[in-house]
């Protein structure tokens, strides 16, 4: 039964799900502990073979609605939820997020003090996460990797909300619409929001705990796709590609040259690479105070740079130089839900 208009929540949390029962349970548990409950939750099961309907029922104290639909992709699932959401603002979390108990109290306070049309917050690693997840979190947020490209406190470009922690008003939805089914759909959405004249803000205190990938192999595939999708965005928005976006690709090419010179000419050519790896280790150690995390942060950061850079280089060659647009590999990875 639908609630009456006077009971309409301020926020509608929309979560696309695909075979993530345990993650949904952790997410809903964290939402059940919110100090301010001015929100509803819309769970959209995107054709999962292991539905989470029973897990949703476990949390009767959360205003949650569950929908099951055919598998079509995470963006279409989000749009399905948007069509059924009742809030004044729409919040997007990934199923692998855990939300701090004061998230909605913080978000309400910040929006009341500084209204904005579209917003996003940062992510962090929870104490309960594995050392690999914490190392990957460092690689995804550090200024020494591509964290400086993603926007934030120390950033090389304008802040771009990401769908693990993003929201916008109903007015934005009514003019701009929902998400397009593509990689980096959040960057695409933020670009459309900005081009429509709406404001976008980083709400730093409204952070979430993001589990990210559980192993380095999956992480490699993810960042490789991110690199490819940057070229897709360039085709959609010709002015969006900046020099800073090519830095990982430059680092890959330069690193390859230094390795070749280090092997064939002199080991001294390997010194810059060694200093960079030491900088990653020391920075991660200072920030996390953990030798295990710092040790894993080194390969995670190398994977972050190399994966993104290689994806960028390959996509640039295929889509820009050869003019083939989206390649077959990207289509396959999209269907796998990477």
C-alpha atoms as a PDB file:
ATOM      1  CA  UNK A   1       0.000   0.000   0.000  1.00  0.00           C
ATOM      2  CA  UNK A   2       1.340   3.426  -0.951  1.00  0.00           C
ATOM      3  CA  UNK A   3       1.771   5.968   1.818  1.00  0.00           C
ATOM      4  CA  UNK A   4      -0.105   9.248   1.575  1.00  0.00           C
ATOM      5  CA  UNK A   5       1.612  12.367   0.271  1.00  0.00           C
ATOM      6  CA  UNK A   6       2.075  13.889   3.740  1.00  0.00           C
ATOM      7  CA  UNK A   7       4.188  10.863   4.703  1.00  0.00           C
ATOM      8  CA  UNK A   8       6.374  11.118   1.610  1.00  0.00           C
ATOM      9  CA  UNK A   9      10.050  10.679   2.560  1.00  0.00           C
ATOM     10  CA  UNK A  10      12.574  13.373   1.816  1.00  0.00           C
ATOM     11  CA  UNK A  11      15.034  10.877   0.328  1.00  0.00           C
ATOM     12  CA  UNK A  12      14.560   7.792  -1.811  1.00  0.00           C
ATOM     13  CA  UNK A  13      17.527   5.418  -1.700  1.00  0.00           C
ATOM     14  CA  UNK A  14      17.761   3.436  -4.941  1.00  0.00           C
ATOM     15  CA  UNK A  15      19.938   0.323  -5.035  1.00  0.00           C
ATOM     16  CA  UNK A  16      20.372  -1.955  -8.079  1.00  0.00           C
ATOM     17  CA  UNK A  17      21.201  -5.528  -7.076  1.00  0.00           C
ATOM     18  CA  UNK A  18      22.560  -8.543  -8.913  1.00  0.00           C
ATOM     19  CA  UNK A  19      23.267 -11.687  -6.850  1.00  0.00           C
ATOM     20  CA  UNK A  20      24.417  -9.770  -3.758  1.00  0.00           C
ATOM     21  CA  UNK A  21      22.338 -11.171  -0.876  1.00  0.00           C
ATOM     22  CA  UNK A  22      24.984 -10.733   1.832  1.00  0.00           C
ATOM     23  CA  UNK A  23      25.840  -7.228   0.661  1.00  0.00           C
ATOM     24  CA  UNK A  24      22.187  -6.193   0.682  1.00  0.00           C
ATOM     25  CA  UNK A  25      21.850  -7.541   4.195  1.00  0.00           C
ATOM     26  CA  UNK A  26      24.853  -5.497   5.389  1.00  0.00           C
ATOM     27  CA  UNK A  27      23.572  -2.384   3.613  1.00  0.00           C
ATOM     28  CA  UNK A  28      20.078  -2.653   5.095  1.00  0.00           C
ATOM     29  CA  UNK A  29      21.467  -3.341   8.548  1.00  0.00           C
ATOM     30  CA  UNK A  30      23.455  -0.106   8.356  1.00  0.00           C
ATOM     31  CA  UNK A  31      20.365   1.761   7.129  1.00  0.00           C
ATOM     32  CA  UNK A  32      18.324   0.380  10.022  1.00  0.00           C
ATOM     33  CA  UNK A  33      20.749   2.124  12.399  1.00  0.00           C
ATOM     34  CA  UNK A  34      20.328   5.606  10.937  1.00  0.00           C
ATOM     35  CA  UNK A  35      19.764   8.312  13.537  1.00  0.00           C
ATOM     36  CA  UNK A  36      17.383  10.120  11.153  1.00  0.00           C
ATOM     37  CA  UNK A  37      14.946   7.988   9.179  1.00  0.00           C
ATOM     38  CA  UNK A  38      13.582  10.493   6.643  1.00  0.00           C
ATOM     39  CA  UNK A  39      14.151   8.071   3.750  1.00  0.00           C
ATOM     40  CA  UNK A  40      12.746   5.088   1.925  1.00  0.00           C
ATOM     41  CA  UNK A  41      14.728   2.312   0.242  1.00  0.00           C
ATOM     42  CA  UNK A  42      13.945   1.000  -3.233  1.00  0.00           C
ATOM     43  CA  UNK A  43      15.722  -2.297  -3.944  1.00  0.00           C
ATOM     44  CA  UNK A  44      15.681  -3.277  -7.628  1.00  0.00           C
ATOM     45  CA  UNK A  45      16.701  -6.876  -8.283  1.00  0.00           C
ATOM     46  CA  UNK A  46      18.102  -6.944 -11.813  1.00  0.00           C
ATOM     47  CA  UNK A  47      17.293 -10.515 -12.829  1.00  0.00           C
ATOM     48  CA  UNK A  48      19.370 -12.176 -10.096  1.00  0.00           C
ATOM     49  CA  UNK A  49      19.495 -15.950  -9.920  1.00  0.00           C
ATOM     50  CA  UNK A  50      19.789 -15.599  -6.133  1.00  0.00           C
ATOM     51  CA  UNK A  51      17.124 -13.016  -5.199  1.00  0.00           C
ATOM     52  CA  UNK A  52      17.452 -11.033  -1.974  1.00  0.00           C
ATOM     53  CA  UNK A  53      13.710 -10.639  -1.239  1.00  0.00           C
ATOM     54  CA  UNK A  54      13.940 -12.610   2.011  1.00  0.00           C
ATOM     55  CA  UNK A  55      16.918 -10.552   3.157  1.00  0.00           C
ATOM     56  CA  UNK A  56      14.895  -7.358   2.618  1.00  0.00           C
ATOM     57  CA  UNK A  57      12.052  -8.773   4.734  1.00  0.00           C
ATOM     58  CA  UNK A  58      14.441  -9.237   7.659  1.00  0.00           C
ATOM     59  CA  UNK A  59      14.565  -5.477   8.191  1.00  0.00           C
ATOM     60  CA  UNK A  60      10.991  -4.503   8.938  1.00  0.00           C
ATOM     61  CA  UNK A  61      12.122  -1.315  10.652  1.00  0.00           C
ATOM     62  CA  UNK A  62      13.424   0.022   7.323  1.00  0.00           C
ATOM     63  CA  UNK A  63      10.913   1.581   4.923  1.00  0.00           C
ATOM     64  CA  UNK A  64      12.008  -0.658   2.056  1.00  0.00           C
ATOM     65  CA  UNK A  65      10.273  -1.735  -1.142  1.00  0.00           C
ATOM     66  CA  UNK A  66      11.540  -4.615  -3.248  1.00  0.00           C
ATOM     67  CA  UNK A  67      11.132  -5.039  -7.013  1.00  0.00           C
ATOM     68  CA  UNK A  68      12.281  -7.830  -9.290  1.00  0.00           C
ATOM     69  CA  UNK A  69      12.817  -7.291 -13.019  1.00  0.00           C
ATOM     70  CA  UNK A  70      14.521  -8.939 -15.993  1.00  0.00           C
ATOM     71  CA  UNK A  71      18.290  -8.491 -16.228  1.00  0.00           C
ATOM     72  CA  UNK A  72      19.020  -5.403 -18.351  1.00  0.00           C
ATOM     73  CA  UNK A  73      21.889  -3.659 -16.559  1.00  0.00           C
ATOM     74  CA  UNK A  74      22.476  -1.529 -13.484  1.00  0.00           C
ATOM     75  CA  UNK A  75      21.535   1.809 -15.080  1.00  0.00           C
ATOM     76  CA  UNK A  76      18.188   0.499 -16.319  1.00  0.00           C
ATOM     77  CA  UNK A  77      17.626  -0.949 -12.841  1.00  0.00           C
ATOM     78  CA  UNK A  78      18.288   2.470 -11.296  1.00  0.00           C
ATOM     79  CA  UNK A  79      15.847   4.065 -13.735  1.00  0.00           C
ATOM     80  CA  UNK A  80      13.256   1.421 -12.810  1.00  0.00           C
ATOM     81  CA  UNK A  81      13.674   2.484  -9.188  1.00  0.00           C
ATOM     82  CA  UNK A  82      13.494   6.180 -10.086  1.00  0.00           C
ATOM     83  CA  UNK A  83      10.108   5.674 -11.698  1.00  0.00           C
ATOM     84  CA  UNK A  84       8.789   4.209  -8.434  1.00  0.00           C
ATOM     85  CA  UNK A  85      10.546   6.452  -5.908  1.00  0.00           C
ATOM     86  CA  UNK A  86       8.513   8.906  -3.826  1.00  0.00           C
ATOM     87  CA  UNK A  87      11.178  11.183  -2.338  1.00  0.00           C
ATOM     88  CA  UNK A  88      12.162  14.760  -3.076  1.00  0.00           C
ATOM     89  CA  UNK A  89      15.770  13.631  -3.547  1.00  0.00           C
ATOM     90  CA  UNK A  90      17.084  10.404  -5.028  1.00  0.00           C
ATOM     91  CA  UNK A  91      20.135   8.801  -3.423  1.00  0.00           C
ATOM     92  CA  UNK A  92      22.164   6.107  -5.170  1.00  0.00           C
ATOM     93  CA  UNK A  93      24.218   3.554  -3.270  1.00  0.00           C
ATOM     94  CA  UNK A  94      25.914   0.443  -4.574  1.00  0.00           C
ATOM     95  CA  UNK A  95      24.902  -2.791  -2.886  1.00  0.00           C
ATOM     96  CA  UNK A  96      28.439  -3.189  -1.519  1.00  0.00           C
ATOM     97  CA  UNK A  97      28.212  -0.038   0.615  1.00  0.00           C
ATOM     98  CA  UNK A  98      27.779   0.275   4.364  1.00  0.00           C
ATOM     99  CA  UNK A  99      26.289   3.571   5.533  1.00  0.00           C
ATOM    100  CA  UNK A 100      27.469   5.364   8.721  1.00  0.00           C
ATOM    101  CA  UNK A 101      24.625   5.841  11.252  1.00  0.00           C
ATOM    102  CA  UNK A 102      24.575   9.646  10.958  1.00  0.00           C
ATOM    103  CA  UNK A 103      24.638   9.761   7.146  1.00  0.00           C
ATOM    104  CA  UNK A 104      21.108  11.097   6.620  1.00  0.00           C
ATOM    105  CA  UNK A 105      21.311  13.425   9.594  1.00  0.00           C
ATOM    106  CA  UNK A 106      24.502  14.861   8.086  1.00  0.00           C
ATOM    107  CA  UNK A 107      23.057  15.043   4.579  1.00  0.00           C
ATOM    108  CA  UNK A 108      19.906  16.788   5.841  1.00  0.00           C
ATOM    109  CA  UNK A 109      21.930  19.335   7.796  1.00  0.00           C
ATOM    110  CA  UNK A 110      24.250  20.083   4.864  1.00  0.00           C
ATOM    111  CA  UNK A 111      21.454  20.425   2.297  1.00  0.00           C
ATOM    112  CA  UNK A 112      19.462  22.709   4.597  1.00  0.00           C
ATOM    113  CA  UNK A 113      22.514  24.933   5.084  1.00  0.00           C
ATOM    114  CA  UNK A 114      23.805  24.760   1.498  1.00  0.00           C
ATOM    115  CA  UNK A 115      21.089  23.676  -0.967  1.00  0.00           C
ATOM    116  CA  UNK A 116      22.329  22.065  -4.168  1.00  0.00           C
ATOM    117  CA  UNK A 117      20.707  20.212  -7.055  1.00  0.00           C
ATOM    118  CA  UNK A 118      23.140  17.300  -7.360  1.00  0.00           C
ATOM    119  CA  UNK A 119      25.642  16.050  -4.820  1.00  0.00           C
ATOM    120  CA  UNK A 120      27.961  13.273  -3.861  1.00  0.00           C
ATOM    121  CA  UNK A 121      30.188  12.224  -1.020  1.00  0.00           C
ATOM    122  CA  UNK A 122      33.466  10.376  -0.585  1.00  0.00           C
ATOM    123  CA  UNK A 123      34.023   6.780   0.409  1.00  0.00           C
ATOM    124  CA  UNK A 124      36.185   5.176   3.071  1.00  0.00           C
ATOM    125  CA  UNK A 125      37.288   1.741   4.232  1.00  0.00           C
ATOM    126  CA  UNK A 126      35.531   0.313   7.272  1.00  0.00           C
ATOM    127  CA  UNK A 127      37.578  -1.358  10.015  1.00  0.00           C
ATOM    128  CA  UNK A 128      35.880  -4.663   9.202  1.00  0.00           C
ATOM    129  CA  UNK A 129      37.083  -4.682   5.572  1.00  0.00           C
ATOM    130  CA  UNK A 130      39.881  -7.011   4.488  1.00  0.00           C
ATOM    131  CA  UNK A 131      43.418  -5.708   4.018  1.00  0.00           C
ATOM    132  CA  UNK A 132      42.992  -6.169   0.261  1.00  0.00           C
ATOM    133  CA  UNK A 133      39.812  -4.059   0.228  1.00  0.00           C
ATOM    134  CA  UNK A 134      41.556  -1.362   2.274  1.00  0.00           C
ATOM    135  CA  UNK A 135      44.550  -1.415  -0.081  1.00  0.00           C
ATOM    136  CA  UNK A 136      42.237  -1.075  -3.086  1.00  0.00           C
ATOM    137  CA  UNK A 137      40.433   1.780  -1.351  1.00  0.00           C
ATOM    138  CA  UNK A 138      43.785   3.538  -0.978  1.00  0.00           C
ATOM    139  CA  UNK A 139      44.558   2.973  -4.664  1.00  0.00           C
ATOM    140  CA  UNK A 140      41.168   4.365  -5.705  1.00  0.00           C
ATOM    141  CA  UNK A 141      41.381   7.501  -3.570  1.00  0.00           C
ATOM    142  CA  UNK A 142      45.075   8.397  -3.331  1.00  0.00           C
ATOM    143  CA  UNK A 143      46.471  11.432  -5.116  1.00  0.00           C
ATOM    144  CA  UNK A 144      49.428   9.213  -6.093  1.00  0.00           C
ATOM    145  CA  UNK A 145      47.159   7.181  -8.370  1.00  0.00           C
ATOM    146  CA  UNK A 146      44.049   8.238 -10.290  1.00  0.00           C
ATOM    147  CA  UNK A 147      42.430   9.620  -7.127  1.00  0.00           C
ATOM    148  CA  UNK A 148      43.439  13.069  -8.300  1.00  0.00           C
ATOM    149  CA  UNK A 149      41.394  12.589 -11.456  1.00  0.00           C
ATOM    150  CA  UNK A 150      38.241  11.534  -9.621  1.00  0.00           C
ATOM    151  CA  UNK A 151      37.623  14.851  -7.863  1.00  0.00           C
ATOM    152  CA  UNK A 152      37.651  15.596  -4.159  1.00  0.00           C
ATOM    153  CA  UNK A 153      39.743  17.354  -1.542  1.00  0.00           C
ATOM    154  CA  UNK A 154      42.900  17.228  -3.641  1.00  0.00           C
ATOM    155  CA  UNK A 155      41.736  17.079  -7.225  1.00  0.00           C
ATOM    156  CA  UNK A 156      42.893  17.773 -10.745  1.00  0.00           C
ATOM    157  CA  UNK A 157      39.387  18.379 -12.102  1.00  0.00           C
ATOM    158  CA  UNK A 158      35.874  19.346 -11.009  1.00  0.00           C
ATOM    159  CA  UNK A 159      34.194  17.028  -8.526  1.00  0.00           C
ATOM    160  CA  UNK A 160      32.095  14.322 -10.175  1.00  0.00           C
ATOM    161  CA  UNK A 161      29.665  12.362  -7.964  1.00  0.00           C
ATOM    162  CA  UNK A 162      29.899   8.567  -8.265  1.00  0.00           C
ATOM    163  CA  UNK A 163      26.941   6.233  -7.992  1.00  0.00           C
ATOM    164  CA  UNK A 164      28.239   4.497  -4.879  1.00  0.00           C
ATOM    165  CA  UNK A 165      27.311   7.748  -3.071  1.00  0.00           C
ATOM    166  CA  UNK A 166      25.390  10.188  -5.247  1.00  0.00           C
ATOM    167  CA  UNK A 167      22.098  12.043  -5.236  1.00  0.00           C
ATOM    168  CA  UNK A 168      20.044  14.603  -7.083  1.00  0.00           C
ATOM    169  CA  UNK A 169      16.710  16.356  -6.724  1.00  0.00           C
ATOM    170  CA  UNK A 170      13.433  15.418  -8.319  1.00  0.00           C
ATOM    171  CA  UNK A 171      13.706  18.621 -10.373  1.00  0.00           C
ATOM    172  CA  UNK A 172      16.942  17.304 -11.901  1.00  0.00           C
ATOM    173  CA  UNK A 173      15.292  13.992 -12.739  1.00  0.00           C
ATOM    174  CA  UNK A 174      12.302  15.676 -14.369  1.00  0.00           C
ATOM    175  CA  UNK A 175      14.570  17.665 -16.696  1.00  0.00           C
ATOM    176  CA  UNK A 176      17.626  15.449 -17.213  1.00  0.00           C
ATOM    177  CA  UNK A 177      16.070  12.010 -16.798  1.00  0.00           C
ATOM    178  CA  UNK A 178      17.730   8.806 -15.656  1.00  0.00           C
ATOM    179  CA  UNK A 179      20.982   6.998 -16.357  1.00  0.00           C
ATOM    180  CA  UNK A 180      22.230   5.632 -19.650  1.00  0.00           C
ATOM    181  CA  UNK A 181      23.380   2.001 -19.720  1.00  0.00           C
ATOM    182  CA  UNK A 182      27.121   2.448 -20.174  1.00  0.00           C
ATOM    183  CA  UNK A 183      30.363   2.329 -18.234  1.00  0.00           C
ATOM    184  CA  UNK A 184      31.017   5.520 -16.238  1.00  0.00           C
ATOM    185  CA  UNK A 185      27.304   6.242 -16.311  1.00  0.00           C
ATOM    186  CA  UNK A 186      27.777   8.466 -13.267  1.00  0.00           C
ATOM    187  CA  UNK A 187      30.215  10.739 -15.130  1.00  0.00           C
ATOM    188  CA  UNK A 188      27.791  10.860 -18.040  1.00  0.00           C
ATOM    189  CA  UNK A 189      24.946  11.778 -15.684  1.00  0.00           C
ATOM    190  CA  UNK A 190      26.983  14.459 -13.906  1.00  0.00           C
ATOM    191  CA  UNK A 191      27.953  15.974 -17.256  1.00  0.00           C
ATOM    192  CA  UNK A 192      24.327  16.131 -18.347  1.00  0.00           C
ATOM    193  CA  UNK A 193      23.315  17.661 -15.003  1.00  0.00           C
ATOM    194  CA  UNK A 194      25.997  20.322 -15.263  1.00  0.00           C
ATOM    195  CA  UNK A 195      25.167  21.103 -18.899  1.00  0.00           C
ATOM    196  CA  UNK A 196      21.503  21.549 -17.904  1.00  0.00           C
ATOM    197  CA  UNK A 197      22.560  24.353 -15.571  1.00  0.00           C
ATOM    198  CA  UNK A 198      22.149  22.573 -12.240  1.00  0.00           C
ATOM    199  CA  UNK A 199      24.595  22.895  -9.361  1.00  0.00           C
ATOM    200  CA  UNK A 200      26.814  20.013  -8.229  1.00  0.00           C
ATOM    201  CA  UNK A 201      28.510  19.867  -4.836  1.00  0.00           C
ATOM    202  CA  UNK A 202      30.760  17.612  -2.824  1.00  0.00           C
ATOM    203  CA  UNK A 203      29.309  16.992   0.642  1.00  0.00           C
ATOM    204  CA  UNK A 204      32.440  15.740   2.349  1.00  0.00           C
ATOM    205  CA  UNK A 205      30.935  14.763   5.746  1.00  0.00           C
ATOM    206  CA  UNK A 206      28.355  12.494   4.029  1.00  0.00           C
ATOM    207  CA  UNK A 207      30.695   9.572   3.339  1.00  0.00           C
ATOM    208  CA  UNK A 208      30.000   5.862   2.948  1.00  0.00           C
ATOM    209  CA  UNK A 209      32.050   2.730   3.514  1.00  0.00           C
ATOM    210  CA  UNK A 210      32.627   1.106   0.136  1.00  0.00           C
ATOM    211  CA  UNK A 211      33.809  -2.519   0.010  1.00  0.00           C
ATOM    212  CA  UNK A 212      34.992  -2.321  -3.605  1.00  0.00           C
ATOM    213  CA  UNK A 213      36.525  -5.430  -5.224  1.00  0.00           C
ATOM    214  CA  UNK A 214      37.563  -8.369  -3.068  1.00  0.00           C
ATOM    215  CA  UNK A 215      40.645  -9.354  -5.065  1.00  0.00           C
ATOM    216  CA  UNK A 216      43.216  -7.742  -7.323  1.00  0.00           C
ATOM    217  CA  UNK A 217      42.212  -9.693 -10.434  1.00  0.00           C
ATOM    218  CA  UNK A 218      38.675  -8.272 -10.373  1.00  0.00           C
ATOM    219  CA  UNK A 219      40.102  -4.855  -9.528  1.00  0.00           C
ATOM    220  CA  UNK A 220      42.349  -5.013 -12.593  1.00  0.00           C
ATOM    221  CA  UNK A 221      39.399  -5.740 -14.855  1.00  0.00           C
ATOM    222  CA  UNK A 222      37.372  -2.921 -13.292  1.00  0.00           C
ATOM    223  CA  UNK A 223      39.979  -0.181 -13.729  1.00  0.00           C
ATOM    224  CA  UNK A 224      40.768  -1.425 -17.240  1.00  0.00           C
ATOM    225  CA  UNK A 225      37.126  -0.780 -18.126  1.00  0.00           C
ATOM    226  CA  UNK A 226      37.297   2.651 -16.486  1.00  0.00           C
ATOM    227  CA  UNK A 227      40.158   3.547 -18.815  1.00  0.00           C
ATOM    228  CA  UNK A 228      38.202   2.415 -21.881  1.00  0.00           C
ATOM    229  CA  UNK A 229      35.087   4.283 -20.802  1.00  0.00           C
ATOM    230  CA  UNK A 230      36.959   7.576 -20.614  1.00  0.00           C
ATOM    231  CA  UNK A 231      37.282   7.451 -24.402  1.00  0.00           C
ATOM    232  CA  UNK A 232      33.586   6.599 -24.742  1.00  0.00           C
ATOM    233  CA  UNK A 233      32.840   9.760 -22.758  1.00  0.00           C
ATOM    234  CA  UNK A 234      35.122  11.732 -25.082  1.00  0.00           C
ATOM    235  CA  UNK A 235      33.036  10.556 -28.052  1.00  0.00           C
ATOM    236  CA  UNK A 236      29.838  11.647 -26.285  1.00  0.00           C
ATOM    237  CA  UNK A 237      31.288  14.933 -24.999  1.00  0.00           C
ATOM    238  CA  UNK A 238      34.215  16.019 -27.229  1.00  0.00           C
ATOM    239  CA  UNK A 239      35.403  18.661 -24.784  1.00  0.00           C
ATOM    240  CA  UNK A 240      35.384  16.395 -21.747  1.00  0.00           C
ATOM    241  CA  UNK A 241      38.740  14.704 -22.315  1.00  0.00           C
ATOM    242  CA  UNK A 242      41.486  16.621 -20.517  1.00  0.00           C
ATOM    243  CA  UNK A 243      45.223  16.124 -20.427  1.00  0.00           C
ATOM    244  CA  UNK A 244      44.948  14.920 -16.843  1.00  0.00           C
ATOM    245  CA  UNK A 245      42.862  11.940 -17.967  1.00  0.00           C
ATOM    246  CA  UNK A 246      45.764  10.728 -20.092  1.00  0.00           C
ATOM    247  CA  UNK A 247      48.283  10.780 -17.231  1.00  0.00           C
ATOM    248  CA  UNK A 248      47.899   7.055 -16.366  1.00  0.00           C
ATOM    249  CA  UNK A 249      48.446   6.170 -20.037  1.00  0.00           C
ATOM    250  CA  UNK A 250      51.534   8.393 -20.111  1.00  0.00           C
ATOM    251  CA  UNK A 251      52.742   6.711 -16.921  1.00  0.00           C
ATOM    252  CA  UNK A 252      52.303   3.263 -18.515  1.00  0.00           C
ATOM    253  CA  UNK A 253      54.261   4.234 -21.632  1.00  0.00           C
ATOM    254  CA  UNK A 254      56.975   5.996 -19.656  1.00  0.00           C
ATOM    255  CA  UNK A 255      57.209   3.099 -17.224  1.00  0.00           C
ATOM    256  CA  UNK A 256      57.591   0.613 -20.078  1.00  0.00           C
ATOM    257  CA  UNK A 257      60.394   2.717 -21.579  1.00  0.00           C
ATOM    258  CA  UNK A 258      62.194   2.946 -18.215  1.00  0.00           C
ATOM    259  CA  UNK A 259      61.929  -0.809 -17.690  1.00  0.00           C
ATOM    260  CA  UNK A 260      63.358  -1.515 -21.147  1.00  0.00           C
ATOM    261  CA  UNK A 261      66.201   0.961 -20.562  1.00  0.00           C
ATOM    262  CA  UNK A 262      66.772  -0.440 -17.083  1.00  0.00           C
ATOM    263  CA  UNK A 263      67.152  -3.960 -18.455  1.00  0.00           C
ATOM    264  CA  UNK A 264      69.155  -3.124 -21.586  1.00  0.00           C
ATOM    265  CA  UNK A 265      71.173  -0.017 -20.649  1.00  0.00           C
ATOM    266  CA  UNK A 266      71.468   0.645 -16.914  1.00  0.00           C
ATOM    267  CA  UNK A 267      69.544  -0.290 -13.738  1.00  0.00           C
ATOM    268  CA  UNK A 268      69.586   3.401 -12.799  1.00  0.00           C
ATOM    269  CA  UNK A 269      66.680   3.934 -15.201  1.00  0.00           C
ATOM    270  CA  UNK A 270      64.562   1.917 -12.744  1.00  0.00           C
ATOM    271  CA  UNK A 271      65.177   4.447  -9.963  1.00  0.00           C
ATOM    272  CA  UNK A 272      62.121   6.672 -10.709  1.00  0.00           C
ATOM    273  CA  UNK A 273      59.847   3.623 -10.598  1.00  0.00           C
ATOM    274  CA  UNK A 274      61.405   2.512  -7.325  1.00  0.00           C
ATOM    275  CA  UNK A 275      60.981   5.949  -5.752  1.00  0.00           C
ATOM    276  CA  UNK A 276      57.342   6.039  -6.823  1.00  0.00           C
ATOM    277  CA  UNK A 277      56.660   2.633  -5.257  1.00  0.00           C
ATOM    278  CA  UNK A 278      58.372   3.707  -2.045  1.00  0.00           C
ATOM    279  CA  UNK A 279      56.228   6.862  -1.977  1.00  0.00           C
ATOM    280  CA  UNK A 280      53.090   4.729  -2.279  1.00  0.00           C
ATOM    281  CA  UNK A 281      54.214   2.409   0.516  1.00  0.00           C
ATOM    282  CA  UNK A 282      55.160   5.236   2.891  1.00  0.00           C
ATOM    283  CA  UNK A 283      51.986   7.219   2.187  1.00  0.00           C
ATOM    284  CA  UNK A 284      49.771   4.183   2.697  1.00  0.00           C
ATOM    285  CA  UNK A 285      51.631   3.281   5.890  1.00  0.00           C
ATOM    286  CA  UNK A 286      51.181   6.778   7.314  1.00  0.00           C
ATOM    287  CA  UNK A 287      47.485   6.896   6.415  1.00  0.00           C
ATOM    288  CA  UNK A 288      46.515   3.352   7.423  1.00  0.00           C
ATOM    289  CA  UNK A 289      49.155   2.597  10.097  1.00  0.00           C
ATOM    290  CA  UNK A 290      49.289  -0.955   8.823  1.00  0.00           C
ATOM    291  CA  UNK A 291      52.274  -2.692   7.246  1.00  0.00           C
ATOM    292  CA  UNK A 292      49.993  -5.298   5.651  1.00  0.00           C
ATOM    293  CA  UNK A 293      47.783  -2.688   3.978  1.00  0.00           C
ATOM    294  CA  UNK A 294      50.782  -0.607   2.884  1.00  0.00           C
ATOM    295  CA  UNK A 295      52.414  -3.693   1.351  1.00  0.00           C
ATOM    296  CA  UNK A 296      49.247  -4.529  -0.591  1.00  0.00           C
ATOM    297  CA  UNK A 297      48.722  -0.887  -1.558  1.00  0.00           C
ATOM    298  CA  UNK A 298      51.823  -1.054  -3.762  1.00  0.00           C
ATOM    299  CA  UNK A 299      50.549  -3.737  -6.186  1.00  0.00           C
ATOM    300  CA  UNK A 300      47.016  -2.323  -5.938  1.00  0.00           C
ATOM    301  CA  UNK A 301      48.273   1.107  -7.017  1.00  0.00           C
ATOM    302  CA  UNK A 302      50.354  -0.368  -9.846  1.00  0.00           C
ATOM    303  CA  UNK A 303      47.271  -2.238 -11.029  1.00  0.00           C
ATOM    304  CA  UNK A 304      45.231   0.960 -10.758  1.00  0.00           C
ATOM    305  CA  UNK A 305      47.616   2.924 -12.972  1.00  0.00           C
ATOM    306  CA  UNK A 306      48.440   0.134 -15.425  1.00  0.00           C
ATOM    307  CA  UNK A 307      44.875  -1.143 -15.770  1.00  0.00           C
ATOM    308  CA  UNK A 308      43.392   2.294 -16.360  1.00  0.00           C
ATOM    309  CA  UNK A 309      46.262   3.343 -18.619  1.00  0.00           C
ATOM    310  CA  UNK A 310      46.122   0.197 -20.769  1.00  0.00           C
ATOM    311  CA  UNK A 311      42.339   0.473 -21.149  1.00  0.00           C
ATOM    312  CA  UNK A 312      42.712   4.124 -22.135  1.00  0.00           C
ATOM    313  CA  UNK A 313      45.453   3.380 -24.699  1.00  0.00           C
ATOM    314  CA  UNK A 314      43.583   0.482 -26.305  1.00  0.00           C
ATOM    315  CA  UNK A 315      40.296   2.388 -26.494  1.00  0.00           C
ATOM    316  CA  UNK A 316      42.006   5.485 -27.890  1.00  0.00           C
ATOM    317  CA  UNK A 317      43.628   3.408 -30.615  1.00  0.00           C
ATOM    318  CA  UNK A 318      40.427   1.511 -31.536  1.00  0.00           C
ATOM    319  CA  UNK A 319      37.819   4.227 -31.082  1.00  0.00           C
ATOM    320  CA  UNK A 320      39.710   7.391 -32.010  1.00  0.00           C
ATOM    321  CA  UNK A 321      42.519   6.379 -34.359  1.00  0.00           C
ATOM    322  CA  UNK A 322      40.621   3.553 -36.096  1.00  0.00           C
ATOM    323  CA  UNK A 323      37.223   5.201 -35.639  1.00  0.00           C
ATOM    324  CA  UNK A 324      35.396   2.040 -34.587  1.00  0.00           C
ATOM    325  CA  UNK A 325      33.428   3.545 -31.692  1.00  0.00           C
ATOM    326  CA  UNK A 326      32.593   1.159 -28.849  1.00  0.00           C
ATOM    327  CA  UNK A 327      34.488  -2.093 -29.340  1.00  0.00           C
ATOM    328  CA  UNK A 328      33.260  -5.649 -28.918  1.00  0.00           C
ATOM    329  CA  UNK A 329      35.258  -6.220 -25.740  1.00  0.00           C
ATOM    330  CA  UNK A 330      33.517  -3.336 -23.993  1.00  0.00           C
ATOM    331  CA  UNK A 331      30.120  -4.697 -24.995  1.00  0.00           C
ATOM    332  CA  UNK A 332      30.993  -8.108 -23.528  1.00  0.00           C
ATOM    333  CA  UNK A 333      32.276  -6.634 -20.263  1.00  0.00           C
ATOM    334  CA  UNK A 334      29.163  -4.489 -19.951  1.00  0.00           C
ATOM    335  CA  UNK A 335      26.954  -7.552 -20.211  1.00  0.00           C
ATOM    336  CA  UNK A 336      29.021  -9.213 -17.482  1.00  0.00           C
ATOM    337  CA  UNK A 337      28.155  -6.317 -15.193  1.00  0.00           C
ATOM    338  CA  UNK A 338      31.774  -5.319 -14.482  1.00  0.00           C
END
